[in-house]
C-alpha atoms as a PDB file:
ATOM      1  CA  UNK A   1     -51.213  32.905  -1.090  1.00  0.00           C
ATOM      2  CA  UNK A   2     -52.274  29.350  -0.381  1.00  0.00           C
ATOM      3  CA  UNK A   3     -50.280  26.431  -1.694  1.00  0.00           C
ATOM      4  CA  UNK A   4     -53.074  23.873  -1.470  1.00  0.00           C
ATOM      5  CA  UNK A   5     -53.453  20.745   0.585  1.00  0.00           C
ATOM      6  CA  UNK A   6     -51.194  17.721   0.675  1.00  0.00           C
ATOM      7  CA  UNK A   7     -52.805  14.283   0.355  1.00  0.00           C
ATOM      8  CA  UNK A   8     -51.054  11.018   1.155  1.00  0.00           C
ATOM      9  CA  UNK A   9     -52.728   8.062  -0.612  1.00  0.00           C
ATOM     10  CA  UNK A  10     -51.656   4.687   0.809  1.00  0.00           C
ATOM     11  CA  UNK A  11     -52.283   1.567  -1.277  1.00  0.00           C
ATOM     12  CA  UNK A  12     -53.012  -1.975  -0.181  1.00  0.00           C
ATOM     13  CA  UNK A  13     -50.319  -4.622  -0.416  1.00  0.00           C
ATOM     14  CA  UNK A  14     -50.293  -6.924   2.621  1.00  0.00           C
ATOM     15  CA  UNK A  15     -46.903  -7.283   4.298  1.00  0.00           C
ATOM     16  CA  UNK A  16     -45.425  -4.885   1.721  1.00  0.00           C
ATOM     17  CA  UNK A  17     -47.224  -2.154   3.659  1.00  0.00           C
ATOM     18  CA  UNK A  18     -44.007  -1.856   5.683  1.00  0.00           C
ATOM     19  CA  UNK A  19     -42.572  -0.069   2.653  1.00  0.00           C
ATOM     20  CA  UNK A  20     -44.943   2.820   3.347  1.00  0.00           C
ATOM     21  CA  UNK A  21     -43.139   3.391   6.646  1.00  0.00           C
ATOM     22  CA  UNK A  22     -39.896   4.153   4.793  1.00  0.00           C
ATOM     23  CA  UNK A  23     -41.762   6.395   2.352  1.00  0.00           C
ATOM     24  CA  UNK A  24     -43.392   8.303   5.219  1.00  0.00           C
ATOM     25  CA  UNK A  25     -40.066   8.687   7.036  1.00  0.00           C
ATOM     26  CA  UNK A  26     -38.440  10.200   3.950  1.00  0.00           C
ATOM     27  CA  UNK A  27     -41.305  12.534   3.049  1.00  0.00           C
ATOM     28  CA  UNK A  28     -41.750  13.869   6.547  1.00  0.00           C
ATOM     29  CA  UNK A  29     -38.022  14.272   7.125  1.00  0.00           C
ATOM     30  CA  UNK A  30     -38.098  16.458   3.997  1.00  0.00           C
ATOM     31  CA  UNK A  31     -40.824  18.575   5.592  1.00  0.00           C
ATOM     32  CA  UNK A  32     -43.714  17.133   3.563  1.00  0.00           C
ATOM     33  CA  UNK A  33     -46.589  16.333   5.913  1.00  0.00           C
ATOM     34  CA  UNK A  34     -50.161  15.300   5.064  1.00  0.00           C
ATOM     35  CA  UNK A  35     -53.236  17.441   5.487  1.00  0.00           C
ATOM     36  CA  UNK A  36     -55.393  14.454   4.508  1.00  0.00           C
ATOM     37  CA  UNK A  37     -54.634  10.719   4.562  1.00  0.00           C
ATOM     38  CA  UNK A  38     -56.427   8.224   2.313  1.00  0.00           C
ATOM     39  CA  UNK A  39     -55.888   4.487   2.643  1.00  0.00           C
ATOM     40  CA  UNK A  40     -57.154   1.112   1.570  1.00  0.00           C
ATOM     41  CA  UNK A  41     -56.520  -2.277   3.223  1.00  0.00           C
ATOM     42  CA  UNK A  42     -53.077  -2.212   4.891  1.00  0.00           C
ATOM     43  CA  UNK A  43     -52.710   1.399   3.754  1.00  0.00           C
ATOM     44  CA  UNK A  44     -55.829   2.270   5.761  1.00  0.00           C
ATOM     45  CA  UNK A  45     -54.247   0.781   8.878  1.00  0.00           C
ATOM     46  CA  UNK A  46     -51.098   2.851   8.371  1.00  0.00           C
ATOM     47  CA  UNK A  47     -53.177   5.955   7.613  1.00  0.00           C
ATOM     48  CA  UNK A  48     -55.286   5.636  10.764  1.00  0.00           C
ATOM     49  CA  UNK A  49     -52.207   5.064  12.900  1.00  0.00           C
ATOM     50  CA  UNK A  50     -50.543   8.188  11.511  1.00  0.00           C
ATOM     51  CA  UNK A  51     -53.834  10.067  11.821  1.00  0.00           C
ATOM     52  CA  UNK A  52     -53.780   9.370  15.558  1.00  0.00           C
ATOM     53  CA  UNK A  53     -49.982   9.782  15.931  1.00  0.00           C
ATOM     54  CA  UNK A  54     -49.020  12.786  13.738  1.00  0.00           C
ATOM     55  CA  UNK A  55     -45.510  13.825  12.832  1.00  0.00           C
ATOM     56  CA  UNK A  56     -42.220  12.048  12.415  1.00  0.00           C
ATOM     57  CA  UNK A  57     -42.479  10.649  15.963  1.00  0.00           C
ATOM     58  CA  UNK A  58     -45.694   8.945  14.894  1.00  0.00           C
ATOM     59  CA  UNK A  59     -43.957   7.393  11.888  1.00  0.00           C
ATOM     60  CA  UNK A  60     -41.202   6.035  14.137  1.00  0.00           C
ATOM     61  CA  UNK A  61     -43.865   4.555  16.424  1.00  0.00           C
ATOM     62  CA  UNK A  62     -45.492   2.973  13.363  1.00  0.00           C
ATOM     63  CA  UNK A  63     -42.134   1.474  12.375  1.00  0.00           C
ATOM     64  CA  UNK A  64     -41.884  -0.121  15.822  1.00  0.00           C
ATOM     65  CA  UNK A  65     -45.332  -1.655  15.406  1.00  0.00           C
ATOM     66  CA  UNK A  66     -44.348  -3.112  12.037  1.00  0.00           C
ATOM     67  CA  UNK A  67     -41.151  -4.602  13.436  1.00  0.00           C
ATOM     68  CA  UNK A  68     -43.243  -6.570  15.914  1.00  0.00           C
ATOM     69  CA  UNK A  69     -45.817  -7.756  13.376  1.00  0.00           C
ATOM     70  CA  UNK A  70     -46.436 -11.494  12.882  1.00  0.00           C
ATOM     71  CA  UNK A  71     -48.999 -13.539  10.995  1.00  0.00           C
ATOM     72  CA  UNK A  72     -50.408 -14.837  14.272  1.00  0.00           C
ATOM     73  CA  UNK A  73     -50.852 -11.299  15.626  1.00  0.00           C
ATOM     74  CA  UNK A  74     -52.919 -10.463  12.561  1.00  0.00           C
ATOM     75  CA  UNK A  75     -54.791 -13.701  11.831  1.00  0.00           C
ATOM     76  CA  UNK A  76     -54.695 -15.763  15.016  1.00  0.00           C
ATOM     77  CA  UNK A  77     -53.711 -19.416  15.325  1.00  0.00           C
ATOM     78  CA  UNK A  78     -53.768 -21.608  12.233  1.00  0.00           C
ATOM     79  CA  UNK A  79     -55.990 -24.115  14.009  1.00  0.00           C
ATOM     80  CA  UNK A  80     -58.781 -21.574  13.739  1.00  0.00           C
ATOM     81  CA  UNK A  81     -58.799 -22.189   9.979  1.00  0.00           C
ATOM     82  CA  UNK A  82     -59.735 -25.840  10.535  1.00  0.00           C
ATOM     83  CA  UNK A  83     -62.602 -24.808  12.819  1.00  0.00           C
ATOM     84  CA  UNK A  84     -63.927 -22.236  10.356  1.00  0.00           C
ATOM     85  CA  UNK A  85     -63.812 -24.701   7.466  1.00  0.00           C
ATOM     86  CA  UNK A  86     -65.476 -27.422   9.533  1.00  0.00           C
ATOM     87  CA  UNK A  87     -68.287 -25.047  10.504  1.00  0.00           C
ATOM     88  CA  UNK A  88     -68.684 -23.940   6.868  1.00  0.00           C
ATOM     89  CA  UNK A  89     -68.035 -20.309   7.605  1.00  0.00           C
ATOM     90  CA  UNK A  90     -67.443 -18.096   4.541  1.00  0.00           C
ATOM     91  CA  UNK A  91     -63.928 -17.170   5.685  1.00  0.00           C
ATOM     92  CA  UNK A  92     -60.712 -18.821   6.861  1.00  0.00           C
ATOM     93  CA  UNK A  93     -59.658 -16.345   9.545  1.00  0.00           C
ATOM     94  CA  UNK A  94     -61.773 -14.671  12.194  1.00  0.00           C
ATOM     95  CA  UNK A  95     -61.341 -10.893  12.404  1.00  0.00           C
ATOM     96  CA  UNK A  96     -61.156 -10.995  16.215  1.00  0.00           C
ATOM     97  CA  UNK A  97     -57.356 -10.907  16.385  1.00  0.00           C
ATOM     98  CA  UNK A  98     -57.230  -8.200  13.700  1.00  0.00           C
ATOM     99  CA  UNK A  99     -59.697  -6.025  15.614  1.00  0.00           C
ATOM    100  CA  UNK A 100     -57.684  -6.497  18.803  1.00  0.00           C
ATOM    101  CA  UNK A 101     -54.569  -5.324  16.977  1.00  0.00           C
ATOM    102  CA  UNK A 102     -56.410  -2.251  15.656  1.00  0.00           C
ATOM    103  CA  UNK A 103     -57.515  -1.350  19.192  1.00  0.00           C
ATOM    104  CA  UNK A 104     -53.901  -1.646  20.382  1.00  0.00           C
ATOM    105  CA  UNK A 105     -52.509   0.452  17.537  1.00  0.00           C
ATOM    106  CA  UNK A 106     -55.120   3.202  17.336  1.00  0.00           C
ATOM    107  CA  UNK A 107     -56.414   4.763  20.585  1.00  0.00           C
ATOM    108  CA  UNK A 108     -59.264   6.649  18.889  1.00  0.00           C
ATOM    109  CA  UNK A 109     -62.437   4.736  18.058  1.00  0.00           C
ATOM    110  CA  UNK A 110     -64.104   7.117  15.610  1.00  0.00           C
ATOM    111  CA  UNK A 111     -62.601   8.189  12.294  1.00  0.00           C
ATOM    112  CA  UNK A 112     -63.870  11.758  12.551  1.00  0.00           C
ATOM    113  CA  UNK A 113     -61.932  12.235  15.816  1.00  0.00           C
ATOM    114  CA  UNK A 114     -58.473  11.511  14.409  1.00  0.00           C
ATOM    115  CA  UNK A 115     -55.955  14.360  14.642  1.00  0.00           C
ATOM    116  CA  UNK A 116     -55.303  14.249  10.873  1.00  0.00           C
ATOM    117  CA  UNK A 117     -58.365  13.679   8.645  1.00  0.00           C
ATOM    118  CA  UNK A 118     -58.417  10.154   7.203  1.00  0.00           C
ATOM    119  CA  UNK A 119     -60.573   8.637   4.460  1.00  0.00           C
ATOM    120  CA  UNK A 120     -60.825   4.833   4.555  1.00  0.00           C
ATOM    121  CA  UNK A 121     -61.594   2.992   1.325  1.00  0.00           C
ATOM    122  CA  UNK A 122     -63.707  -0.171   1.142  1.00  0.00           C
ATOM    123  CA  UNK A 123     -65.578  -2.018  -1.627  1.00  0.00           C
ATOM    124  CA  UNK A 124     -69.369  -2.291  -1.594  1.00  0.00           C
ATOM    125  CA  UNK A 125     -69.939  -6.008  -2.194  1.00  0.00           C
ATOM    126  CA  UNK A 126     -73.266  -5.435  -3.960  1.00  0.00           C
ATOM    127  CA  UNK A 127     -72.098  -2.793  -6.449  1.00  0.00           C
ATOM    128  CA  UNK A 128     -68.379  -3.632  -6.643  1.00  0.00           C
ATOM    129  CA  UNK A 129     -67.605   0.074  -6.348  1.00  0.00           C
ATOM    130  CA  UNK A 130     -65.160   1.765  -4.025  1.00  0.00           C
ATOM    131  CA  UNK A 131     -66.536   3.727  -1.081  1.00  0.00           C
ATOM    132  CA  UNK A 132     -64.560   6.311   0.874  1.00  0.00           C
ATOM    133  CA  UNK A 133     -65.537   6.820   4.508  1.00  0.00           C
ATOM    134  CA  UNK A 134     -64.876  10.023   6.437  1.00  0.00           C
ATOM    135  CA  UNK A 135     -66.569   8.964   9.670  1.00  0.00           C
ATOM    136  CA  UNK A 136     -67.462   5.769  11.454  1.00  0.00           C
ATOM    137  CA  UNK A 137     -66.195   3.171  13.925  1.00  0.00           C
ATOM    138  CA  UNK A 138     -62.539   2.540  13.098  1.00  0.00           C
ATOM    139  CA  UNK A 139     -62.373  -1.196  13.992  1.00  0.00           C
ATOM    140  CA  UNK A 140     -65.321  -1.886  11.681  1.00  0.00           C
ATOM    141  CA  UNK A 141     -63.982   0.292   8.864  1.00  0.00           C
ATOM    142  CA  UNK A 142     -60.501  -1.244   8.946  1.00  0.00           C
ATOM    143  CA  UNK A 143     -61.871  -4.788   9.232  1.00  0.00           C
ATOM    144  CA  UNK A 144     -63.946  -4.087   6.111  1.00  0.00           C
ATOM    145  CA  UNK A 145     -61.108  -2.381   4.236  1.00  0.00           C
ATOM    146  CA  UNK A 146     -58.856  -5.419   4.782  1.00  0.00           C
ATOM    147  CA  UNK A 147     -61.506  -8.140   4.360  1.00  0.00           C
ATOM    148  CA  UNK A 148     -60.025 -10.183   1.519  1.00  0.00           C
ATOM    149  CA  UNK A 149     -62.827 -12.421   0.199  1.00  0.00           C
ATOM    150  CA  UNK A 150     -62.659 -15.918   1.611  1.00  0.00           C
ATOM    151  CA  UNK A 151     -59.938 -14.984   4.101  1.00  0.00           C
ATOM    152  CA  UNK A 152     -61.675 -12.549   6.447  1.00  0.00           C
ATOM    153  CA  UNK A 153     -65.403 -12.028   7.030  1.00  0.00           C
ATOM    154  CA  UNK A 154     -67.157  -9.191   5.190  1.00  0.00           C
ATOM    155  CA  UNK A 155     -68.411  -6.333   7.356  1.00  0.00           C
ATOM    156  CA  UNK A 156     -71.814  -4.643   7.355  1.00  0.00           C
ATOM    157  CA  UNK A 157     -71.435  -0.852   7.517  1.00  0.00           C
ATOM    158  CA  UNK A 158     -74.198   1.715   7.771  1.00  0.00           C
ATOM    159  CA  UNK A 159     -74.217   4.359   5.070  1.00  0.00           C
ATOM    160  CA  UNK A 160     -76.461   7.165   3.902  1.00  0.00           C
ATOM    161  CA  UNK A 161     -78.819   4.689   2.213  1.00  0.00           C
ATOM    162  CA  UNK A 162     -78.740   2.074   4.972  1.00  0.00           C
ATOM    163  CA  UNK A 163     -76.593  -0.942   5.850  1.00  0.00           C
ATOM    164  CA  UNK A 164     -74.409  -2.538   3.159  1.00  0.00           C
ATOM    165  CA  UNK A 165     -71.839  -5.323   3.110  1.00  0.00           C
ATOM    166  CA  UNK A 166     -68.251  -4.206   2.490  1.00  0.00           C
ATOM    167  CA  UNK A 167     -65.035  -6.065   1.640  1.00  0.00           C
ATOM    168  CA  UNK A 168     -61.372  -5.318   0.904  1.00  0.00           C
ATOM    169  CA  UNK A 169     -60.686  -1.973  -0.762  1.00  0.00           C
ATOM    170  CA  UNK A 170     -58.382  -3.642  -3.295  1.00  0.00           C
ATOM    171  CA  UNK A 171     -61.276  -5.474  -4.931  1.00  0.00           C
ATOM    172  CA  UNK A 172     -62.368  -2.217  -6.554  1.00  0.00           C
ATOM    173  CA  UNK A 173     -59.204  -0.108  -6.406  1.00  0.00           C
ATOM    174  CA  UNK A 174     -55.870  -1.138  -4.912  1.00  0.00           C
ATOM    175  CA  UNK A 175     -54.672   2.475  -4.913  1.00  0.00           C
ATOM    176  CA  UNK A 176     -57.646   4.508  -3.615  1.00  0.00           C
ATOM    177  CA  UNK A 177     -57.321   7.449  -5.975  1.00  0.00           C
ATOM    178  CA  UNK A 178     -60.984   7.790  -6.963  1.00  0.00           C
ATOM    179  CA  UNK A 179     -62.148   9.197  -3.656  1.00  0.00           C
ATOM    180  CA  UNK A 180     -59.035  11.346  -3.394  1.00  0.00           C
ATOM    181  CA  UNK A 181     -59.242  13.048  -6.770  1.00  0.00           C
ATOM    182  CA  UNK A 182     -62.982  13.574  -6.281  1.00  0.00           C
ATOM    183  CA  UNK A 183     -62.219  16.045  -3.479  1.00  0.00           C
ATOM    184  CA  UNK A 184     -58.845  17.403  -4.665  1.00  0.00           C
ATOM    185  CA  UNK A 185     -58.772  21.017  -5.838  1.00  0.00           C
ATOM    186  CA  UNK A 186     -56.382  23.154  -7.910  1.00  0.00           C
ATOM    187  CA  UNK A 187     -53.150  23.675  -6.009  1.00  0.00           C
ATOM    188  CA  UNK A 188     -53.408  20.365  -4.136  1.00  0.00           C
ATOM    189  CA  UNK A 189     -50.636  17.761  -4.288  1.00  0.00           C
ATOM    190  CA  UNK A 190     -51.404  14.047  -4.107  1.00  0.00           C
ATOM    191  CA  UNK A 191     -48.580  11.767  -3.007  1.00  0.00           C
ATOM    192  CA  UNK A 192     -49.273   8.124  -3.898  1.00  0.00           C
ATOM    193  CA  UNK A 193     -47.487   5.593  -1.678  1.00  0.00           C
ATOM    194  CA  UNK A 194     -47.877   2.473  -3.799  1.00  0.00           C
ATOM    195  CA  UNK A 195     -46.579  -0.840  -2.424  1.00  0.00           C
ATOM    196  CA  UNK A 196     -48.546  -3.162  -4.704  1.00  0.00           C
ATOM    197  CA  UNK A 197     -46.765  -5.882  -6.653  1.00  0.00           C
ATOM    198  CA  UNK A 198     -47.608  -8.027  -9.634  1.00  0.00           C
ATOM    199  CA  UNK A 199     -46.139 -11.569  -9.383  1.00  0.00           C
ATOM    200  CA  UNK A 200     -43.130 -11.694 -11.694  1.00  0.00           C
ATOM    201  CA  UNK A 201     -43.699 -15.317 -12.756  1.00  0.00           C
ATOM    202  CA  UNK A 202     -45.700 -18.422 -11.918  1.00  0.00           C
ATOM    203  CA  UNK A 203     -42.910 -19.373  -9.488  1.00  0.00           C
ATOM    204  CA  UNK A 204     -44.101 -16.535  -7.250  1.00  0.00           C
ATOM    205  CA  UNK A 205     -47.496 -18.229  -6.850  1.00  0.00           C
ATOM    206  CA  UNK A 206     -46.811 -20.383  -3.805  1.00  0.00           C
ATOM    207  CA  UNK A 207     -50.362 -20.934  -2.534  1.00  0.00           C
ATOM    208  CA  UNK A 208     -54.054 -20.488  -3.403  1.00  0.00           C
ATOM    209  CA  UNK A 209     -53.851 -17.180  -1.539  1.00  0.00           C
ATOM    210  CA  UNK A 210     -51.090 -15.963  -3.863  1.00  0.00           C
ATOM    211  CA  UNK A 211     -53.249 -16.860  -6.874  1.00  0.00           C
ATOM    212  CA  UNK A 212     -56.196 -14.955  -5.386  1.00  0.00           C
ATOM    213  CA  UNK A 213     -54.103 -11.853  -4.726  1.00  0.00           C
ATOM    214  CA  UNK A 214     -52.502 -11.973  -8.182  1.00  0.00           C
ATOM    215  CA  UNK A 215     -55.928 -12.291  -9.817  1.00  0.00           C
ATOM    216  CA  UNK A 216     -57.273  -9.290  -7.923  1.00  0.00           C
ATOM    217  CA  UNK A 217     -54.228  -7.166  -8.744  1.00  0.00           C
ATOM    218  CA  UNK A 218     -54.446  -8.105 -12.436  1.00  0.00           C
ATOM    219  CA  UNK A 219     -58.129  -7.191 -12.523  1.00  0.00           C
ATOM    220  CA  UNK A 220     -57.600  -3.822 -10.869  1.00  0.00           C
ATOM    221  CA  UNK A 221     -54.561  -2.965 -13.025  1.00  0.00           C
ATOM    222  CA  UNK A 222     -56.668  -3.325 -16.166  1.00  0.00           C
ATOM    223  CA  UNK A 223     -59.011  -0.542 -15.059  1.00  0.00           C
ATOM    224  CA  UNK A 224     -58.466   3.072 -16.037  1.00  0.00           C
ATOM    225  CA  UNK A 225     -57.410   5.435 -13.291  1.00  0.00           C
ATOM    226  CA  UNK A 226     -59.685   8.413 -12.621  1.00  0.00           C
ATOM    227  CA  UNK A 227     -58.898  11.675 -14.452  1.00  0.00           C
ATOM    228  CA  UNK A 228     -56.721  14.152 -12.598  1.00  0.00           C
ATOM    229  CA  UNK A 229     -58.498  17.488 -12.004  1.00  0.00           C
ATOM    230  CA  UNK A 230     -56.918  20.549 -13.553  1.00  0.00           C
ATOM    231  CA  UNK A 231     -54.317  22.140 -11.289  1.00  0.00           C
ATOM    232  CA  UNK A 232     -53.778  19.006  -9.156  1.00  0.00           C
ATOM    233  CA  UNK A 233     -50.302  17.465  -9.010  1.00  0.00           C
ATOM    234  CA  UNK A 234     -49.923  13.707  -8.554  1.00  0.00           C
ATOM    235  CA  UNK A 235     -46.555  12.310  -7.458  1.00  0.00           C
ATOM    236  CA  UNK A 236     -46.238   8.537  -7.307  1.00  0.00           C
ATOM    237  CA  UNK A 237     -43.772   6.650  -5.122  1.00  0.00           C
ATOM    238  CA  UNK A 238     -43.606   2.985  -6.199  1.00  0.00           C
ATOM    239  CA  UNK A 239     -41.995   0.255  -4.129  1.00  0.00           C
ATOM    240  CA  UNK A 240     -39.554  -1.939  -6.041  1.00  0.00           C
ATOM    241  CA  UNK A 241     -41.659  -4.678  -7.662  1.00  0.00           C
ATOM    242  CA  UNK A 242     -38.636  -6.910  -8.218  1.00  0.00           C
ATOM    243  CA  UNK A 243     -38.206  -7.464  -4.490  1.00  0.00           C
ATOM    244  CA  UNK A 244     -39.836 -10.751  -3.474  1.00  0.00           C
ATOM    245  CA  UNK A 245     -40.945 -10.546   0.159  1.00  0.00           C
ATOM    246  CA  UNK A 246     -42.916 -13.773   0.161  1.00  0.00           C
ATOM    247  CA  UNK A 247     -46.633 -14.160   0.802  1.00  0.00           C
ATOM    248  CA  UNK A 248     -49.123 -11.521   1.830  1.00  0.00           C
ATOM    249  CA  UNK A 249     -48.701 -12.459   5.526  1.00  0.00           C
ATOM    250  CA  UNK A 250     -44.909 -12.913   5.478  1.00  0.00           C
ATOM    251  CA  UNK A 251     -43.518 -10.282   7.848  1.00  0.00           C
ATOM    252  CA  UNK A 252     -39.897 -11.445   7.846  1.00  0.00           C
ATOM    253  CA  UNK A 253     -38.708  -8.746   5.413  1.00  0.00           C
ATOM    254  CA  UNK A 254     -39.931  -5.645   7.243  1.00  0.00           C
ATOM    255  CA  UNK A 255     -36.505  -3.977   7.552  1.00  0.00           C
ATOM    256  CA  UNK A 256     -35.754  -4.489   3.850  1.00  0.00           C
ATOM    257  CA  UNK A 257     -39.152  -3.089   2.892  1.00  0.00           C
ATOM    258  CA  UNK A 258     -38.739   0.010   5.071  1.00  0.00           C
ATOM    259  CA  UNK A 259     -35.340   0.616   3.453  1.00  0.00           C
ATOM    260  CA  UNK A 260     -36.692   0.124  -0.069  1.00  0.00           C
ATOM    261  CA  UNK A 261     -39.605   2.437   0.645  1.00  0.00           C
ATOM    262  CA  UNK A 262     -37.225   5.155   1.804  1.00  0.00           C
ATOM    263  CA  UNK A 263     -35.071   4.693  -1.308  1.00  0.00           C
ATOM    264  CA  UNK A 264     -38.107   4.939  -3.589  1.00  0.00           C
ATOM    265  CA  UNK A 265     -39.227   8.160  -1.901  1.00  0.00           C
ATOM    266  CA  UNK A 266     -35.777   9.730  -2.121  1.00  0.00           C
ATOM    267  CA  UNK A 267     -35.638   8.930  -5.842  1.00  0.00           C
ATOM    268  CA  UNK A 268     -38.919  10.766  -6.432  1.00  0.00           C
ATOM    269  CA  UNK A 269     -37.908  13.731  -4.280  1.00  0.00           C
ATOM    270  CA  UNK A 270     -34.731  14.105  -6.359  1.00  0.00           C
ATOM    271  CA  UNK A 271     -36.764  14.719  -9.526  1.00  0.00           C
ATOM    272  CA  UNK A 272     -38.673  17.918 -10.377  1.00  0.00           C
ATOM    273  CA  UNK A 273     -42.380  17.935  -9.628  1.00  0.00           C
ATOM    274  CA  UNK A 274     -44.513  17.400 -12.753  1.00  0.00           C
ATOM    275  CA  UNK A 275     -46.695  20.161 -14.138  1.00  0.00           C
ATOM    276  CA  UNK A 276     -50.280  19.859 -12.856  1.00  0.00           C
ATOM    277  CA  UNK A 277     -52.273  17.846 -15.390  1.00  0.00           C
ATOM    278  CA  UNK A 278     -55.226  19.083 -17.428  1.00  0.00           C
ATOM    279  CA  UNK A 279     -58.503  17.333 -16.651  1.00  0.00           C
ATOM    280  CA  UNK A 280     -58.323  14.898 -19.579  1.00  0.00           C
ATOM    281  CA  UNK A 281     -54.975  13.384 -18.545  1.00  0.00           C
ATOM    282  CA  UNK A 282     -54.517  10.477 -16.159  1.00  0.00           C
ATOM    283  CA  UNK A 283     -51.961  10.197 -13.338  1.00  0.00           C
ATOM    284  CA  UNK A 284     -48.644   8.935 -14.685  1.00  0.00           C
END
């Protein structure tokens, strides 16, 4: 008797992505390991790292990477912003430093060669729809999945119908459930590791970047989630939204976020699993 596959779906969320480390530690310590990983934006980075470093040892290695994360390691020097603005480039930060970080974190270049299957979500700039990739060049896919408009350059990816320009996964779907539930089957369990946050008040909007992120989150939250196929169980782990960890590139609260992620996962594990939903119901 088969029990179905286990999916881990990792949301976007900038520096709050550290919370997914605590969630992963708790789930895998409890013996829950993914058969398939699905990620968007920072969640795609975490998913690809775990896909190339399976098991609890891989999660601990991911935690070490997060503890060493800085804005400069991700975006480069701030003086680059002045150069990009002066040259009228359609982005503030080059993706060069980001791509270098990806190469350091993930030793495998092609998505289809990862030890755990990973689906990376992006947004097709022309259609505004989410796209889930099962193969391709990882540095390009992750640069596209995390390409917040105006901050990082969009990325041209080749698809079945030819090249298309792709941007951050969160533009179409901050929690990449669409591509997950499209392939989920009866008996499968989908664990959602959601670290997104809606600003609690205008005081949380410290910069134009904060306003941009808040606008995108508000837009995505007003969209209906895809229907859950019959026989599929969805379990959602949500990081504490009340915790203010600063801006999207503020990595000074990593330890707190890992702890809060672990606490959120333990709270869900302590409750009975919901009954698989009929097709017409949405994930709760």
